[in-house]
Amino acid sequence: MSRYTKVYSRIWRDSRVKSLSSEDRELYLYLRTSPHLNMVGFYYLPIVYAADDLQRPLERVSEGFRNLSKTGLIRYDEANSVVLVVDYLRDNPLENPNQAKGACSILGELPKTPLFLDFLECVRRYAEPFINGFETLCQQYAKPDTDTDTDTDPEKVQIIVPPDGGTDDPPPEPKRHKFTEEHMGLAVMLRDLILENKPDAKVPATLDGWANTARLMVEVDKRAPARIIEVIEWCQKNEFWRSNILSMGKLREQFDQLELQMQRGGNRRSGQRGGAGRKPPTGGKYDDLVIHDPDPPLP
């Protein structure tokens, strides 16, 4: 069980969350803060447990799970009672090899479930530095049984973790750059707004390169972080520029033009978010970053 978890206010801007009924939104928040939750958001949860915690009829909770699954916010293996909160690692990232090994041990306690492969995609997107250990785990312990029919139920995917965590070598350390948490916060902000506009946009699994570009914008180009925030928010709201500024490198390249158009009030029908005084929506080790007034996460 996880003693605490992080939930950020940006979830209320997520179009998938906005599309939910109030009851389904409550269920989604429950799944992100459940007393049965573990450190990776991939855990054993019979629907009857959720029904009891929420004090709702079992049929309504089952329908809520189906609704959340349709939006892509969760994956649920009803046959094995395992739930995966898809964006959990985005807001609660693994920070070191020891945590990654602990996560492997947690996976070893789960029932057999094909959701392991979905979880691996989440690791690939939000915890790329530690992907090797999880890929090894998948290749060695999540293969379907070969001595039985292959067209039966999803229990064919097997997850077993040896006592040592499933791999002889620890996951590699992430590549080090000179950027600070402030620079990473700018990178996270741009990525999140890009994904709000286009959820399937191709963004890097790790943002070290983007954060380093943000550092160059501040240290070499002499752009004030608060001004970068304003331009990021404006360009991702602008009907033309949001389809053209899809990386931190492109933001740096077009910054002067973007700033001039923003000052002229370009594309007024798109509106502006007004970035002055905002905190970039960050996650994990970057959540202490404050440029002006913080926008604190939900308790």
Protein backbone atom coordinates (compact mmCIF):
# COMPACT_ATOMS: atom_id res chain seq x y z
CA MET A 1 0.00 0.00 0.00
CA SER A 2 1.27 3.49 -0.86
CA ARG A 3 1.22 5.88 2.10
CA TYR A 4 0.70 8.93 -0.09
CA THR A 5 0.39 9.87 -3.74
CA LYS A 6 0.50 13.00 -5.89
CA VAL A 7 -2.51 14.22 -7.84
CA TYR A 8 -2.02 17.43 -9.83
CA SER A 9 -4.61 20.08 -10.63
CA ARG A 10 -3.96 19.64 -14.34
CA ILE A 11 -6.21 16.57 -14.35
CA TRP A 12 -9.19 18.96 -14.37
CA ARG A 13 -8.00 20.30 -17.73
CA ASP A 14 -7.80 16.79 -19.19
CA SER A 15 -10.57 16.39 -21.79
CA ARG A 16 -10.99 12.74 -20.80
CA VAL A 17 -11.70 13.69 -17.19
CA LYS A 18 -14.05 16.48 -18.30
CA SER A 19 -16.08 13.96 -20.29
CA LEU A 20 -16.82 11.84 -17.20
CA SER A 21 -19.89 11.97 -15.03
CA SER A 22 -19.36 13.24 -11.48
CA GLU A 23 -19.63 9.68 -10.18
CA ASP A 24 -17.01 8.40 -12.62
CA ARG A 25 -14.69 11.32 -11.76
CA GLU A 26 -14.92 10.33 -8.11
CA LEU A 27 -14.08 6.74 -9.05
CA TYR A 28 -11.03 7.92 -11.02
CA LEU A 29 -9.76 9.97 -8.07
CA TYR A 30 -10.38 6.94 -5.85
CA LEU A 31 -8.24 4.76 -8.12
CA ARG A 32 -5.41 7.31 -7.93
CA THR A 33 -5.61 7.52 -4.12
CA SER A 34 -6.96 4.10 -3.17
CA PRO A 35 -5.83 2.47 0.09
CA HIS A 36 -4.91 -0.56 -2.05
CA LEU A 37 -2.63 1.53 -4.30
CA ASN A 38 1.08 0.73 -4.71
CA MET A 39 4.07 2.79 -5.84
CA VAL A 40 3.46 2.28 -9.58
CA GLY A 41 -0.34 2.60 -9.93
CA PHE A 42 -0.62 -1.02 -11.13
CA TYR A 43 -2.32 -3.08 -8.45
CA TYR A 44 -4.75 -5.76 -7.35
CA LEU A 45 -8.26 -4.38 -6.85
CA PRO A 46 -11.38 -6.53 -6.98
CA ILE A 47 -14.38 -4.39 -7.87
CA VAL A 48 -16.05 -5.45 -4.65
CA TYR A 49 -13.26 -3.68 -2.70
CA ALA A 50 -13.94 -0.43 -4.57
CA ALA A 51 -17.70 -0.81 -4.09
CA ASP A 52 -17.21 -1.22 -0.35
CA ASP A 53 -14.81 1.74 -0.06
CA LEU A 54 -17.10 4.00 -2.11
CA GLN A 55 -20.30 2.65 -0.54
CA ARG A 56 -21.90 2.10 -3.94
CA PRO A 57 -23.78 -0.79 -5.54
CA LEU A 58 -21.45 -3.23 -7.27
CA GLU A 59 -23.20 -2.81 -10.64
CA ARG A 60 -22.60 0.95 -10.70
CA VAL A 61 -18.94 0.57 -9.79
CA SER A 62 -18.51 -2.06 -12.53
CA GLU A 63 -20.07 0.35 -15.03
CA GLY A 64 -17.69 3.08 -13.84
CA PHE A 65 -14.68 0.85 -14.47
CA ARG A 66 -15.94 0.23 -18.00
CA ASN A 67 -16.44 3.96 -18.60
CA LEU A 68 -12.93 4.82 -17.38
CA SER A 69 -11.44 2.07 -19.51
CA LYS A 70 -13.16 3.47 -22.61
CA THR A 71 -11.50 6.88 -22.04
CA GLY A 72 -8.06 5.32 -21.71
CA LEU A 73 -7.53 6.69 -18.20
CA ILE A 74 -7.23 3.17 -16.81
CA ARG A 75 -6.89 -0.42 -17.93
CA TYR A 76 -8.74 -3.11 -15.97
CA ASP A 77 -8.40 -6.88 -16.12
CA GLU A 78 -11.71 -7.98 -14.62
CA ALA A 79 -10.83 -11.69 -14.80
CA ASN A 80 -7.80 -11.17 -12.57
CA SER A 81 -8.92 -8.03 -10.66
CA VAL A 82 -5.91 -5.92 -11.64
CA VAL A 83 -6.11 -2.21 -12.43
CA LEU A 84 -3.56 0.04 -14.18
CA VAL A 85 -3.83 3.83 -13.75
CA VAL A 86 -2.27 4.83 -17.07
CA ASP A 87 -0.81 8.24 -16.13
CA TYR A 88 0.20 7.36 -12.57
CA LEU A 89 3.94 7.23 -13.29
CA ARG A 90 3.75 10.63 -14.97
CA ASP A 91 2.87 12.26 -11.65
CA ASN A 92 4.66 9.77 -9.38
CA PRO A 93 7.82 8.85 -11.30
CA LEU A 94 10.45 6.32 -10.33
CA GLU A 95 13.53 8.27 -9.28
CA ASN A 96 16.32 5.72 -8.79
CA PRO A 97 17.30 2.08 -9.47
CA ASN A 98 16.28 0.96 -5.99
CA GLN A 99 12.73 2.17 -6.59
CA ALA A 100 12.72 0.35 -9.93
CA LYS A 101 13.79 -2.88 -8.22
CA GLY A 102 11.07 -2.38 -5.61
CA ALA A 103 8.54 -1.95 -8.39
CA CYS A 104 9.68 -5.24 -9.94
CA SER A 105 9.12 -6.97 -6.60
CA ILE A 106 5.63 -5.48 -6.39
CA LEU A 107 4.82 -6.80 -9.86
CA GLY A 108 5.80 -10.26 -8.71
CA GLU A 109 2.93 -10.20 -6.22
CA LEU A 110 0.27 -9.53 -8.87
CA PRO A 111 -1.90 -12.23 -10.41
CA LYS A 112 -1.01 -13.24 -13.94
CA THR A 113 -2.35 -10.52 -16.24
CA PRO A 114 -1.78 -9.27 -19.80
CA LEU A 115 -1.85 -5.73 -18.39
CA PHE A 116 1.86 -6.15 -17.69
CA LEU A 117 2.48 -5.22 -21.32
CA ASP A 118 0.37 -2.06 -20.94
CA PHE A 119 2.34 -1.22 -17.82
CA LEU A 120 5.58 -1.66 -19.76
CA GLU A 121 4.38 0.99 -22.22
CA CYS A 122 3.78 3.36 -19.29
CA VAL A 123 7.33 2.71 -18.07
CA ARG A 124 8.63 3.34 -21.58
CA ARG A 125 6.84 6.69 -21.65
CA TYR A 126 7.38 7.95 -18.10
CA ALA A 127 10.37 6.03 -16.71
CA GLU A 128 12.60 5.44 -19.72
CA PRO A 129 15.91 5.35 -17.76
CA PHE A 130 14.70 2.19 -16.00
CA ILE A 131 13.15 0.43 -18.99
CA ASN A 132 15.84 -2.26 -19.30
CA GLY A 133 14.94 -3.98 -16.04
CA PHE A 134 11.26 -4.02 -16.89
CA GLU A 135 11.87 -5.25 -20.45
CA THR A 136 13.94 -8.11 -19.07
CA LEU A 137 11.15 -8.93 -16.68
CA CYS A 138 8.63 -8.94 -19.52
CA GLN A 139 10.72 -11.07 -21.83
CA GLN A 140 11.54 -13.65 -19.17
CA TYR A 141 8.38 -13.82 -17.11
CA ALA A 142 5.45 -12.43 -19.12
CA LYS A 143 5.46 -14.90 -22.02
CA PRO A 144 2.31 -16.95 -22.67
CA ASP A 145 2.46 -20.62 -21.72
CA THR A 146 3.54 -22.66 -24.75
CA ASP A 147 2.21 -26.02 -23.62
CA THR A 148 -1.47 -25.10 -23.80
CA ASP A 149 -3.86 -23.59 -26.33
CA THR A 150 -3.17 -19.95 -27.23
CA ASP A 151 -6.77 -18.87 -27.81
CA THR A 152 -7.88 -19.09 -24.19
CA ASP A 153 -8.21 -16.42 -21.53
CA PRO A 154 -5.72 -13.60 -20.69
CA GLU A 155 -4.11 -15.53 -17.81
CA LYS A 156 -1.57 -16.79 -20.36
CA VAL A 157 0.71 -13.86 -19.52
CA GLN A 158 2.89 -14.88 -16.59
CA ILE A 159 4.66 -12.52 -14.22
CA ILE A 160 7.27 -14.01 -11.88
CA VAL A 161 10.02 -12.02 -10.18
CA PRO A 162 13.06 -13.73 -8.61
CA PRO A 163 13.97 -12.67 -5.04
CA ASP A 164 16.79 -10.44 -6.33
CA GLY A 165 14.33 -8.21 -8.27
CA GLY A 166 14.49 -9.96 -11.66
CA THR A 167 17.75 -8.67 -13.13
CA ASP A 168 21.44 -9.00 -12.30
CA ASP A 169 22.32 -5.50 -13.41
CA PRO A 170 20.60 -2.37 -12.06
CA PRO A 171 18.87 -0.10 -14.58
CA PRO A 172 21.23 2.50 -16.05
CA GLU A 173 21.52 5.89 -14.45
CA PRO A 174 19.83 8.65 -16.45
CA LYS A 175 22.09 10.83 -18.55
CA ARG A 176 23.12 13.96 -16.67
CA HIS A 177 22.70 17.45 -18.05
CA LYS A 178 23.38 20.85 -16.56
CA PHE A 179 19.74 21.88 -16.38
CA THR A 180 17.95 22.74 -13.14
CA GLU A 181 14.50 21.83 -11.84
CA GLU A 182 13.26 25.17 -13.17
CA HIS A 183 14.36 24.24 -16.68
CA MET A 184 12.76 20.80 -16.40
CA GLY A 185 9.54 22.46 -15.23
CA LEU A 186 9.41 24.45 -18.48
CA ALA A 187 9.93 21.25 -20.48
CA VAL A 188 7.20 19.44 -18.55
CA MET A 189 4.82 22.35 -19.07
CA LEU A 190 5.32 22.37 -22.84
CA ARG A 191 4.93 18.58 -23.07
CA ASP A 192 1.72 18.56 -21.03
CA LEU A 193 0.10 21.33 -23.08
CA ILE A 194 1.09 19.59 -26.33
CA LEU A 195 -0.56 16.39 -25.06
CA GLU A 196 -3.68 18.31 -24.02
CA ASN A 197 -4.03 19.51 -27.62
CA LYS A 198 -3.09 16.17 -29.18
CA PRO A 199 -3.01 13.20 -26.77
CA ASP A 200 -1.19 10.98 -29.30
CA ALA A 201 1.50 13.55 -30.11
CA LYS A 202 5.02 12.11 -30.35
CA VAL A 203 6.89 13.49 -27.34
CA PRO A 204 10.13 12.10 -25.90
CA ALA A 205 9.89 9.55 -23.11
CA THR A 206 12.45 11.53 -21.11
CA LEU A 207 12.68 15.31 -21.19
CA ASP A 208 16.37 15.83 -20.42
CA GLY A 209 17.01 17.16 -23.93
CA TRP A 210 14.09 19.58 -23.74
CA ALA A 211 15.17 20.74 -20.28
CA ASN A 212 18.68 21.38 -21.57
CA THR A 213 17.23 23.45 -24.42
CA ALA A 214 15.22 25.42 -21.86
CA ARG A 215 18.49 26.03 -19.99
CA LEU A 216 20.07 27.41 -23.16
CA MET A 217 17.07 29.70 -23.67
CA VAL A 218 17.53 31.13 -20.17
CA GLU A 219 21.32 31.20 -19.92
CA VAL A 220 22.41 31.84 -23.52
CA ASP A 221 19.39 33.55 -25.11
CA LYS A 222 18.66 35.49 -21.90
CA ARG A 223 14.93 34.67 -21.89
CA ALA A 224 13.24 35.19 -18.54
CA PRO A 225 11.51 31.97 -17.32
CA ALA A 226 8.27 33.86 -16.69
CA ARG A 227 8.30 35.11 -20.28
CA ILE A 228 8.94 31.60 -21.59
CA ILE A 229 5.89 30.42 -19.66
CA GLU A 230 3.73 33.10 -21.29
CA VAL A 231 4.94 32.17 -24.77
CA ILE A 232 4.47 28.43 -24.15
CA GLU A 233 0.89 28.93 -23.03
CA TRP A 234 0.08 31.38 -25.82
CA CYS A 235 1.51 29.27 -28.64
CA GLN A 236 -0.27 26.11 -27.43
CA LYS A 237 -3.56 28.03 -27.40
CA ASN A 238 -2.98 29.64 -30.79
CA GLU A 239 -4.72 27.76 -33.62
CA PHE A 240 -1.73 28.01 -35.97
CA TRP A 241 1.28 27.70 -33.67
CA ARG A 242 0.05 24.80 -31.55
CA SER A 243 0.42 22.51 -34.57
CA ASN A 244 3.92 23.84 -35.30
CA ILE A 245 5.55 24.15 -31.87
CA LEU A 246 5.84 20.49 -30.89
CA SER A 247 9.25 20.53 -29.21
CA MET A 248 11.41 22.76 -27.04
CA GLY A 249 13.89 23.12 -29.90
CA LYS A 250 11.20 24.52 -32.19
CA LEU A 251 10.06 26.87 -29.40
CA ARG A 252 13.59 28.21 -29.10
CA GLU A 253 13.94 28.60 -32.87
CA GLN A 254 10.68 30.55 -33.26
CA PHE A 255 10.69 32.40 -29.92
CA ASP A 256 11.18 35.93 -31.24
CA GLN A 257 8.42 35.54 -33.82
CA LEU A 258 6.09 33.99 -31.27
CA GLU A 259 6.71 36.76 -28.76
CA LEU A 260 6.09 39.49 -31.35
CA GLN A 261 2.80 37.92 -32.45
CA MET A 262 1.75 37.45 -28.85
CA GLN A 263 2.43 41.12 -28.10
CA ARG A 264 0.33 42.12 -31.13
CA GLY A 265 -2.49 39.89 -29.90
CA GLY A 266 -2.19 37.52 -32.88
CA ASN A 267 -5.12 35.15 -33.50
CA ARG A 268 -7.34 36.78 -30.88
CA ARG A 269 -10.17 34.32 -31.48
CA SER A 270 -7.96 31.61 -29.92
CA GLY A 271 -7.72 33.46 -26.62
CA GLN A 272 -4.77 33.52 -24.25
CA ARG A 273 -4.12 31.77 -20.99
CA GLY A 274 -2.01 34.48 -19.39
CA GLY A 275 1.15 32.82 -18.17
CA ALA A 276 2.55 35.52 -15.85
CA GLY A 277 2.78 34.36 -12.27
CA ARG A 278 2.10 30.71 -13.12
CA LYS A 279 3.96 27.62 -12.00
CA PRO A 280 4.65 25.08 -14.74
CA PRO A 281 2.70 21.85 -14.10
CA THR A 282 5.47 19.56 -12.90
CA GLY A 283 5.71 16.14 -11.42
CA GLY A 284 7.86 14.03 -9.14
CA LYS A 285 11.19 15.59 -8.15
CA TYR A 286 10.29 18.80 -9.99
CA ASP A 287 7.20 19.64 -8.01
CA ASP A 288 9.06 22.07 -5.72
CA LEU A 289 9.78 24.34 -8.68
CA VAL A 290 8.23 27.81 -8.22
CA ILE A 291 8.79 30.65 -10.63
CA HIS A 292 6.17 33.03 -9.23
CA ASP A 293 2.96 32.07 -7.48
CA PRO A 294 2.57 28.29 -7.13
CA ASP A 295 -0.40 26.37 -8.47
CA PRO A 296 -0.36 23.64 -5.80
CA PRO A 297 -1.43 20.07 -6.52
CA LEU A 298 -4.68 18.77 -5.21
CA PRO A 299 -4.36 17.46 -1.62
